[in-house]
């Protein structure tokens, strides 16, 4: 079932093309994740469409169910924050969709499309303003820097799983 779903996703999202600024020979990559609330509320297609309409291509994608241990490893940077336990519980409550997005200024573009972490403070027409219920159930995650994008992509994907990998 998972292989069929992944094949369908890649078939629907092909062809994959590189996006680059004039004079820039390599696009930027970022990790984007649709969280369990986004999956449960059936927003996957709408979210992916927003990425594509804004020049972001999907270079890798998979759906999986994080264990509490995996969620804890991924969000280890927040371990001492008061919301950590709720975050881990939510992130391990159902499947997530992780993607490598690629395009010109992909990290900033993805963060702009997502909107503020707190949906009540997110700009109109952003993913979080349109689909999120709370700071905990805020639908999506996206890398916040080039360094974190590399670490987060490596957490979920082997290099051979990425179409058009940036070297």
N, C-alpha and C. Protein backbone atom coordinates (compact mmCIF):
# COMPACT_ATOMS: atom_id res chain seq x y z
N UNK A 1 0.82 -1.20 0.00
CA UNK A 1 0.00 0.00 0.00
C UNK A 1 0.86 1.26 0.00
N UNK A 2 1.91 1.29 0.87
CA UNK A 2 2.78 2.45 0.94
C UNK A 2 3.51 2.65 -0.39
N UNK A 3 4.00 1.55 -0.97
CA UNK A 3 4.70 1.67 -2.26
C UNK A 3 3.76 2.18 -3.34
N UNK A 4 2.52 1.70 -3.34
CA UNK A 4 1.54 2.16 -4.32
C UNK A 4 1.26 3.64 -4.14
N UNK A 5 1.12 4.08 -2.89
CA UNK A 5 0.87 5.49 -2.61
C UNK A 5 2.04 6.35 -3.07
N UNK A 6 3.26 5.92 -2.76
CA UNK A 6 4.43 6.69 -3.18
C UNK A 6 4.56 6.73 -4.69
N UNK A 7 4.31 5.58 -5.36
CA UNK A 7 4.37 5.56 -6.82
C UNK A 7 3.36 6.52 -7.40
N UNK A 8 2.13 6.50 -6.86
CA UNK A 8 1.08 7.40 -7.33
C UNK A 8 1.50 8.86 -7.16
N UNK A 9 2.05 9.18 -6.00
CA UNK A 9 2.48 10.56 -5.75
C UNK A 9 3.54 11.00 -6.75
N UNK A 10 4.54 10.14 -6.95
CA UNK A 10 5.60 10.52 -7.88
C UNK A 10 5.09 10.59 -9.31
N UNK A 11 4.19 9.69 -9.70
CA UNK A 11 3.64 9.72 -11.05
C UNK A 11 2.85 11.01 -11.28
N UNK A 12 2.11 11.43 -10.27
CA UNK A 12 1.30 12.64 -10.39
C UNK A 12 2.14 13.91 -10.38
N UNK A 13 3.27 13.85 -9.70
CA UNK A 13 4.08 15.05 -9.54
C UNK A 13 5.19 15.17 -10.58
N UNK A 14 5.36 14.17 -11.41
CA UNK A 14 6.37 14.22 -12.48
C UNK A 14 5.87 15.13 -13.59
N UNK A 15 6.68 15.73 -14.42
CA UNK A 15 8.13 15.62 -14.35
C UNK A 15 8.71 16.58 -13.32
N UNK A 16 9.83 16.17 -12.74
CA UNK A 16 10.51 17.04 -11.79
C UNK A 16 11.50 17.89 -12.55
N UNK A 17 11.48 19.19 -12.31
CA UNK A 17 12.43 20.06 -13.00
C UNK A 17 13.13 20.94 -11.98
N UNK A 18 14.30 21.37 -12.34
CA UNK A 18 15.07 22.24 -11.46
C UNK A 18 14.64 23.68 -11.66
N UNK A 19 14.55 24.41 -10.57
CA UNK A 19 14.23 25.83 -10.63
C UNK A 19 15.48 26.57 -10.15
N UNK A 20 15.91 27.56 -10.90
CA UNK A 20 17.09 28.31 -10.49
C UNK A 20 16.96 29.76 -10.91
N UNK A 21 17.54 30.63 -10.12
CA UNK A 21 17.55 32.06 -10.45
C UNK A 21 18.55 32.29 -11.57
N UNK A 22 18.38 33.39 -12.28
CA UNK A 22 19.31 33.73 -13.35
C UNK A 22 20.72 33.78 -12.79
N UNK A 23 21.62 33.04 -13.41
CA UNK A 23 23.00 33.01 -12.96
C UNK A 23 23.25 32.04 -11.82
N UNK A 24 22.22 31.49 -11.24
CA UNK A 24 22.35 30.53 -10.15
C UNK A 24 22.21 29.14 -10.74
N UNK A 25 23.23 28.31 -10.60
CA UNK A 25 23.20 27.00 -11.23
C UNK A 25 22.64 25.91 -10.34
N UNK A 26 22.39 26.19 -9.08
CA UNK A 26 21.85 25.15 -8.21
C UNK A 26 20.73 25.69 -7.33
N UNK A 27 19.57 25.05 -7.38
CA UNK A 27 18.46 25.48 -6.53
C UNK A 27 18.70 25.07 -5.08
N UNK A 28 17.89 25.59 -4.22
CA UNK A 28 17.97 25.30 -2.79
C UNK A 28 16.95 24.21 -2.45
N UNK A 29 17.27 23.40 -1.45
CA UNK A 29 16.34 22.39 -0.96
C UNK A 29 15.94 22.69 0.47
N UNK A 30 14.73 22.25 0.83
CA UNK A 30 14.24 22.37 2.19
C UNK A 30 13.39 21.16 2.51
N UNK A 31 13.26 20.85 3.79
CA UNK A 31 12.35 19.80 4.20
C UNK A 31 11.01 20.43 4.55
N UNK A 32 9.96 19.83 4.08
CA UNK A 32 8.61 20.24 4.46
C UNK A 32 7.87 19.01 4.95
N UNK A 33 7.10 19.18 6.00
CA UNK A 33 6.35 18.07 6.55
C UNK A 33 4.90 18.49 6.77
N UNK A 34 3.99 17.66 6.30
CA UNK A 34 2.58 17.84 6.63
C UNK A 34 2.34 16.97 7.86
N UNK A 35 1.94 17.62 8.94
CA UNK A 35 1.80 16.96 10.23
C UNK A 35 0.51 16.14 10.31
N UNK A 36 0.36 15.32 11.37
CA UNK A 36 -0.82 14.46 11.47
C UNK A 36 -2.17 15.17 11.34
N UNK A 37 -2.28 16.40 11.86
CA UNK A 37 -3.56 17.10 11.73
C UNK A 37 -3.84 17.47 10.28
N UNK A 38 -2.82 17.80 9.51
CA UNK A 38 -3.00 18.11 8.10
C UNK A 38 -3.41 16.90 7.29
N UNK A 39 -2.86 15.73 7.66
CA UNK A 39 -3.23 14.47 7.00
C UNK A 39 -4.67 14.11 7.37
N UNK A 40 -4.98 14.13 8.67
CA UNK A 40 -6.31 13.74 9.15
C UNK A 40 -7.41 14.62 8.57
N UNK A 41 -7.10 15.89 8.37
CA UNK A 41 -8.11 16.83 7.84
C UNK A 41 -8.10 16.91 6.32
N UNK A 42 -7.34 16.02 5.68
CA UNK A 42 -7.33 15.86 4.22
C UNK A 42 -6.92 17.12 3.46
N UNK A 43 -5.81 17.73 3.91
CA UNK A 43 -5.31 18.93 3.25
C UNK A 43 -4.05 18.69 2.40
N UNK A 44 -3.64 17.43 2.27
CA UNK A 44 -2.39 17.12 1.57
C UNK A 44 -2.38 17.69 0.15
N UNK A 45 -3.39 17.41 -0.62
CA UNK A 45 -3.44 17.86 -2.01
C UNK A 45 -3.41 19.37 -2.14
N UNK A 46 -4.17 20.05 -1.28
CA UNK A 46 -4.20 21.52 -1.32
C UNK A 46 -2.84 22.12 -0.95
N UNK A 47 -2.17 21.51 0.01
CA UNK A 47 -0.87 22.02 0.44
C UNK A 47 0.17 21.80 -0.67
N UNK A 48 0.20 20.62 -1.25
CA UNK A 48 1.14 20.34 -2.33
C UNK A 48 0.88 21.28 -3.51
N UNK A 49 -0.38 21.53 -3.82
CA UNK A 49 -0.71 22.45 -4.93
C UNK A 49 -0.15 23.84 -4.67
N UNK A 50 -0.18 24.29 -3.42
CA UNK A 50 0.37 25.62 -3.10
C UNK A 50 1.88 25.65 -3.33
N UNK A 51 2.57 24.57 -2.94
CA UNK A 51 4.00 24.52 -3.18
C UNK A 51 4.28 24.64 -4.68
N UNK A 52 3.59 23.83 -5.46
CA UNK A 52 3.84 23.80 -6.91
C UNK A 52 3.48 25.13 -7.57
N UNK A 53 2.38 25.74 -7.17
CA UNK A 53 1.96 27.02 -7.76
C UNK A 53 2.96 28.13 -7.47
N UNK A 54 3.76 27.93 -6.43
CA UNK A 54 4.74 28.95 -6.03
C UNK A 54 6.17 28.56 -6.41
N UNK A 55 6.31 27.67 -7.37
CA UNK A 55 7.62 27.35 -7.93
C UNK A 55 8.46 26.35 -7.17
N UNK A 56 7.87 25.64 -6.22
CA UNK A 56 8.61 24.61 -5.50
C UNK A 56 8.29 23.24 -6.11
N UNK A 57 9.33 22.49 -6.40
CA UNK A 57 9.18 21.15 -6.96
C UNK A 57 9.44 20.13 -5.86
N UNK A 58 8.80 18.99 -5.94
CA UNK A 58 9.02 17.92 -4.96
C UNK A 58 10.09 16.98 -5.52
N UNK A 59 11.21 16.87 -4.78
CA UNK A 59 12.32 16.00 -5.19
C UNK A 59 12.29 14.66 -4.47
N UNK A 60 11.54 14.57 -3.39
CA UNK A 60 11.37 13.32 -2.65
C UNK A 60 10.14 13.47 -1.77
N UNK A 61 9.46 12.35 -1.55
CA UNK A 61 8.28 12.38 -0.67
C UNK A 61 8.03 10.99 -0.11
N UNK A 62 7.57 10.96 1.12
CA UNK A 62 7.13 9.70 1.72
C UNK A 62 6.17 9.98 2.86
N UNK A 63 5.29 9.03 3.07
CA UNK A 63 4.35 9.11 4.18
C UNK A 63 4.77 8.05 5.18
N UNK A 64 4.81 8.42 6.46
CA UNK A 64 5.18 7.48 7.50
C UNK A 64 4.53 7.89 8.82
N UNK A 65 4.56 6.98 9.75
CA UNK A 65 4.02 7.24 11.09
C UNK A 65 5.21 7.27 12.05
N UNK A 66 5.51 8.44 12.59
CA UNK A 66 6.63 8.58 13.52
C UNK A 66 6.31 7.94 14.86
N UNK A 67 7.27 7.25 15.42
CA UNK A 67 7.15 6.80 16.80
C UNK A 67 7.44 8.01 17.69
N UNK A 68 7.11 7.90 18.96
CA UNK A 68 7.44 8.97 19.90
C UNK A 68 8.95 9.17 19.95
N UNK A 69 9.71 8.08 19.86
CA UNK A 69 11.17 8.18 19.88
C UNK A 69 11.68 8.94 18.65
N UNK A 70 11.16 8.62 17.48
CA UNK A 70 11.58 9.33 16.26
C UNK A 70 11.21 10.81 16.32
N UNK A 71 9.99 11.10 16.77
CA UNK A 71 9.56 12.49 16.89
C UNK A 71 10.46 13.23 17.88
N UNK A 72 10.81 12.56 18.98
CA UNK A 72 11.70 13.15 19.97
C UNK A 72 13.08 13.45 19.41
N UNK A 73 13.60 12.54 18.59
CA UNK A 73 14.90 12.77 17.95
C UNK A 73 14.82 13.95 16.99
N UNK A 74 13.76 14.00 16.18
CA UNK A 74 13.62 15.06 15.19
C UNK A 74 13.48 16.43 15.86
N UNK A 75 12.72 16.50 16.94
CA UNK A 75 12.47 17.77 17.63
C UNK A 75 13.32 17.92 18.89
N UNK A 76 14.48 17.27 18.95
CA UNK A 76 15.35 17.32 20.14
C UNK A 76 15.72 18.74 20.54
N UNK A 77 15.79 19.64 19.58
CA UNK A 77 16.14 21.04 19.87
C UNK A 77 15.13 21.68 20.82
N UNK A 78 13.92 21.16 20.88
CA UNK A 78 12.87 21.72 21.74
C UNK A 78 12.70 20.96 23.05
N UNK A 79 13.61 20.04 23.36
CA UNK A 79 13.44 19.15 24.51
C UNK A 79 13.18 19.87 25.83
N UNK A 80 13.77 21.02 26.04
CA UNK A 80 13.59 21.74 27.30
C UNK A 80 12.46 22.76 27.27
N UNK A 81 11.72 22.81 26.19
CA UNK A 81 10.62 23.77 26.05
C UNK A 81 9.35 23.19 26.68
N UNK A 82 8.48 24.04 27.21
CA UNK A 82 7.27 23.55 27.90
C UNK A 82 6.30 22.79 26.98
N UNK A 83 6.35 23.04 25.68
CA UNK A 83 5.41 22.40 24.75
C UNK A 83 5.93 21.07 24.19
N UNK A 84 7.14 20.67 24.58
CA UNK A 84 7.80 19.50 23.98
C UNK A 84 6.94 18.23 24.05
N UNK A 85 6.42 17.91 25.21
CA UNK A 85 5.65 16.67 25.37
C UNK A 85 4.41 16.68 24.46
N UNK A 86 3.69 17.80 24.43
CA UNK A 86 2.51 17.90 23.56
C UNK A 86 2.91 17.77 22.09
N UNK A 87 4.04 18.37 21.72
CA UNK A 87 4.53 18.29 20.35
C UNK A 87 4.82 16.83 19.97
N UNK A 88 5.52 16.12 20.82
CA UNK A 88 5.87 14.72 20.54
C UNK A 88 4.61 13.86 20.47
N UNK A 89 3.68 14.07 21.39
CA UNK A 89 2.42 13.32 21.35
C UNK A 89 1.66 13.57 20.05
N UNK A 90 1.59 14.83 19.64
CA UNK A 90 0.88 15.15 18.40
C UNK A 90 1.59 14.57 17.19
N UNK A 91 2.92 14.71 17.14
CA UNK A 91 3.68 14.24 15.97
C UNK A 91 3.67 12.72 15.83
N UNK A 92 3.43 12.01 16.90
CA UNK A 92 3.37 10.55 16.84
C UNK A 92 1.93 10.03 16.86
N UNK A 93 0.96 10.93 16.72
CA UNK A 93 -0.46 10.54 16.80
C UNK A 93 -1.03 10.00 15.49
N UNK A 94 -0.32 10.18 14.39
CA UNK A 94 -0.81 9.72 13.10
C UNK A 94 0.26 9.92 12.04
N UNK A 95 -0.05 9.57 10.80
CA UNK A 95 0.95 9.69 9.74
C UNK A 95 1.33 11.13 9.43
N UNK A 96 2.54 11.28 8.92
CA UNK A 96 3.05 12.55 8.41
C UNK A 96 3.48 12.34 6.97
N UNK A 97 3.53 13.42 6.22
CA UNK A 97 4.03 13.39 4.84
C UNK A 97 5.27 14.27 4.82
N UNK A 98 6.43 13.67 4.57
CA UNK A 98 7.67 14.44 4.51
C UNK A 98 8.09 14.58 3.05
N UNK A 99 8.59 15.77 2.72
CA UNK A 99 8.97 16.06 1.34
C UNK A 99 10.24 16.89 1.31
N UNK A 100 11.01 16.68 0.27
CA UNK A 100 12.11 17.58 -0.04
C UNK A 100 11.58 18.50 -1.13
N UNK A 101 11.52 19.78 -0.82
CA UNK A 101 11.09 20.78 -1.79
C UNK A 101 12.33 21.45 -2.35
N UNK A 102 12.28 21.75 -3.63
CA UNK A 102 13.43 22.32 -4.31
C UNK A 102 12.99 23.50 -5.16
N UNK A 103 13.78 24.54 -5.15
CA UNK A 103 13.48 25.70 -5.98
C UNK A 103 14.29 26.90 -5.54
N UNK A 104 14.12 27.97 -6.25
CA UNK A 104 14.80 29.22 -5.93
C UNK A 104 14.35 29.70 -4.55
N UNK A 105 15.29 29.93 -3.65
CA UNK A 105 15.01 30.42 -2.30
C UNK A 105 13.95 29.56 -1.60
N UNK A 106 14.09 28.24 -1.73
CA UNK A 106 13.07 27.29 -1.25
C UNK A 106 12.76 27.41 0.24
N UNK A 107 13.76 27.65 1.06
CA UNK A 107 13.53 27.71 2.51
C UNK A 107 12.63 28.89 2.85
N UNK A 108 12.99 30.07 2.38
CA UNK A 108 12.18 31.27 2.67
C UNK A 108 10.80 31.17 2.03
N UNK A 109 10.74 30.66 0.82
CA UNK A 109 9.46 30.54 0.12
C UNK A 109 8.52 29.59 0.87
N UNK A 110 9.06 28.45 1.32
CA UNK A 110 8.24 27.50 2.08
C UNK A 110 7.76 28.12 3.39
N UNK A 111 8.63 28.83 4.08
CA UNK A 111 8.25 29.44 5.36
C UNK A 111 7.20 30.53 5.15
N UNK A 112 7.31 31.26 4.06
CA UNK A 112 6.30 32.27 3.74
C UNK A 112 4.94 31.61 3.45
N UNK A 113 4.95 30.51 2.71
CA UNK A 113 3.71 29.80 2.40
C UNK A 113 3.08 29.21 3.66
N UNK A 114 3.92 28.74 4.60
CA UNK A 114 3.40 28.15 5.84
C UNK A 114 2.75 29.19 6.72
N UNK A 115 3.36 30.35 6.88
CA UNK A 115 2.86 31.36 7.80
C UNK A 115 3.43 31.18 9.19
N UNK A 116 3.06 32.07 10.09
CA UNK A 116 3.57 32.05 11.47
C UNK A 116 3.20 30.75 12.18
N UNK A 117 4.07 30.33 13.10
CA UNK A 117 3.85 29.10 13.87
C UNK A 117 2.49 29.12 14.57
N UNK A 118 2.12 30.25 15.11
CA UNK A 118 0.82 30.43 15.76
C UNK A 118 -0.19 30.80 14.67
N UNK A 119 -1.13 29.91 14.36
CA UNK A 119 -2.08 30.20 13.27
C UNK A 119 -2.89 31.47 13.47
N UNK A 120 -3.10 31.88 14.72
CA UNK A 120 -3.86 33.11 14.96
C UNK A 120 -3.05 34.35 14.56
N UNK A 121 -1.73 34.19 14.39
CA UNK A 121 -0.87 35.29 13.98
C UNK A 121 -0.39 35.14 12.54
N UNK A 122 -0.81 34.06 11.88
CA UNK A 122 -0.37 33.81 10.50
C UNK A 122 -1.10 34.72 9.53
N UNK A 123 -0.38 35.19 8.53
CA UNK A 123 -0.97 36.05 7.51
C UNK A 123 -2.08 35.31 6.77
N UNK A 124 -3.06 36.05 6.32
CA UNK A 124 -4.17 35.47 5.56
C UNK A 124 -3.64 34.71 4.35
N UNK A 125 -4.32 33.65 4.01
CA UNK A 125 -4.01 32.81 2.84
C UNK A 125 -2.73 31.99 2.98
N UNK A 126 -2.15 31.93 4.17
CA UNK A 126 -1.03 31.01 4.39
C UNK A 126 -1.61 29.66 4.80
N UNK A 127 -0.79 28.63 4.71
CA UNK A 127 -1.25 27.28 5.06
C UNK A 127 -1.76 27.23 6.49
N UNK A 128 -1.02 27.80 7.41
CA UNK A 128 -1.44 27.74 8.82
C UNK A 128 -2.69 28.58 9.08
N UNK A 129 -2.81 29.72 8.45
CA UNK A 129 -4.02 30.54 8.64
C UNK A 129 -5.24 29.80 8.11
N UNK A 130 -5.07 29.09 7.01
CA UNK A 130 -6.21 28.42 6.37
C UNK A 130 -6.57 27.07 6.97
N UNK A 131 -5.58 26.32 7.49
CA UNK A 131 -5.84 24.93 7.88
C UNK A 131 -5.55 24.57 9.33
N UNK A 132 -4.89 25.44 10.09
CA UNK A 132 -4.44 25.06 11.44
C UNK A 132 -5.41 25.48 12.53
N UNK A 133 -5.40 24.70 13.63
CA UNK A 133 -6.28 24.97 14.77
C UNK A 133 -5.56 25.63 15.94
N UNK A 134 -4.27 25.32 16.12
CA UNK A 134 -3.56 25.80 17.30
C UNK A 134 -2.06 25.77 17.03
N UNK A 135 -1.29 26.26 17.99
CA UNK A 135 0.17 26.22 17.88
C UNK A 135 0.64 24.77 17.82
N UNK A 136 0.00 23.88 18.56
CA UNK A 136 0.39 22.47 18.55
C UNK A 136 -0.05 21.79 17.26
N UNK A 137 -1.29 22.02 16.84
CA UNK A 137 -1.80 21.44 15.59
C UNK A 137 -1.72 22.51 14.50
N UNK A 138 -0.48 22.77 14.05
CA UNK A 138 -0.29 23.84 13.08
C UNK A 138 0.06 23.34 11.68
N UNK A 139 -0.34 22.13 11.39
CA UNK A 139 -0.43 21.53 10.05
C UNK A 139 0.88 21.20 9.35
N UNK A 140 1.88 22.09 9.42
CA UNK A 140 3.11 21.88 8.65
C UNK A 140 4.36 22.23 9.45
N UNK A 141 5.46 21.66 9.00
CA UNK A 141 6.79 21.99 9.52
C UNK A 141 7.66 22.30 8.31
N UNK A 142 8.58 23.24 8.46
CA UNK A 142 9.54 23.53 7.40
C UNK A 142 10.87 23.92 7.98
N UNK A 143 11.94 23.55 7.32
CA UNK A 143 13.29 23.91 7.76
C UNK A 143 13.43 25.42 7.85
N UNK A 144 14.24 25.87 8.82
CA UNK A 144 14.40 27.32 9.02
C UNK A 144 15.76 27.85 8.58
N UNK A 145 16.64 26.98 8.10
CA UNK A 145 17.96 27.43 7.64
C UNK A 145 18.54 26.37 6.70
N UNK A 146 19.56 26.76 5.97
CA UNK A 146 20.23 25.81 5.07
C UNK A 146 20.81 24.65 5.87
N UNK A 147 21.45 24.96 7.00
CA UNK A 147 22.05 23.91 7.84
C UNK A 147 20.99 22.94 8.34
N UNK A 148 19.87 23.47 8.87
CA UNK A 148 18.82 22.60 9.37
C UNK A 148 18.14 21.83 8.25
N UNK A 149 18.02 22.43 7.09
CA UNK A 149 17.43 21.72 5.94
C UNK A 149 18.25 20.48 5.63
N UNK A 150 19.57 20.61 5.61
CA UNK A 150 20.44 19.46 5.33
C UNK A 150 20.27 18.37 6.39
N UNK A 151 20.25 18.77 7.66
CA UNK A 151 20.08 17.80 8.75
C UNK A 151 18.71 17.13 8.70
N UNK A 152 17.67 17.91 8.48
CA UNK A 152 16.31 17.37 8.47
C UNK A 152 16.07 16.47 7.26
N UNK A 153 16.59 16.85 6.11
CA UNK A 153 16.46 16.00 4.93
C UNK A 153 17.16 14.67 5.18
N UNK A 154 18.37 14.71 5.74
CA UNK A 154 19.12 13.48 6.03
C UNK A 154 18.42 12.61 7.08
N UNK A 155 17.64 13.22 7.97
CA UNK A 155 16.90 12.46 8.98
C UNK A 155 15.89 11.52 8.31
N UNK A 156 15.27 11.97 7.23
CA UNK A 156 14.19 11.21 6.60
C UNK A 156 14.56 10.52 5.29
N UNK A 157 15.57 11.02 4.59
CA UNK A 157 15.84 10.51 3.24
C UNK A 157 17.30 10.11 3.06
N UNK A 158 17.50 8.98 2.36
CA UNK A 158 18.82 8.60 1.89
C UNK A 158 19.08 9.39 0.61
N UNK A 159 20.33 9.68 0.29
CA UNK A 159 20.62 10.46 -0.92
C UNK A 159 20.00 9.87 -2.19
N UNK A 160 19.98 8.54 -2.30
CA UNK A 160 19.44 7.91 -3.50
C UNK A 160 17.91 8.02 -3.61
N UNK A 161 17.25 8.46 -2.55
CA UNK A 161 15.80 8.64 -2.59
C UNK A 161 15.39 10.02 -3.11
N UNK A 162 16.37 10.88 -3.34
CA UNK A 162 16.08 12.26 -3.76
C UNK A 162 16.34 12.40 -5.26
N UNK A 163 15.31 12.82 -5.98
CA UNK A 163 15.43 13.09 -7.40
C UNK A 163 16.13 14.44 -7.54
N UNK A 164 17.09 14.55 -8.44
CA UNK A 164 17.84 15.79 -8.64
C UNK A 164 18.50 16.27 -7.34
N UNK A 165 19.23 15.40 -6.64
CA UNK A 165 19.84 15.85 -5.38
C UNK A 165 20.85 16.96 -5.62
N UNK A 166 20.87 17.92 -4.72
CA UNK A 166 21.85 19.00 -4.78
C UNK A 166 23.11 18.49 -4.09
N UNK A 167 24.21 18.62 -4.74
CA UNK A 167 25.48 18.10 -4.19
C UNK A 167 26.23 19.20 -3.48
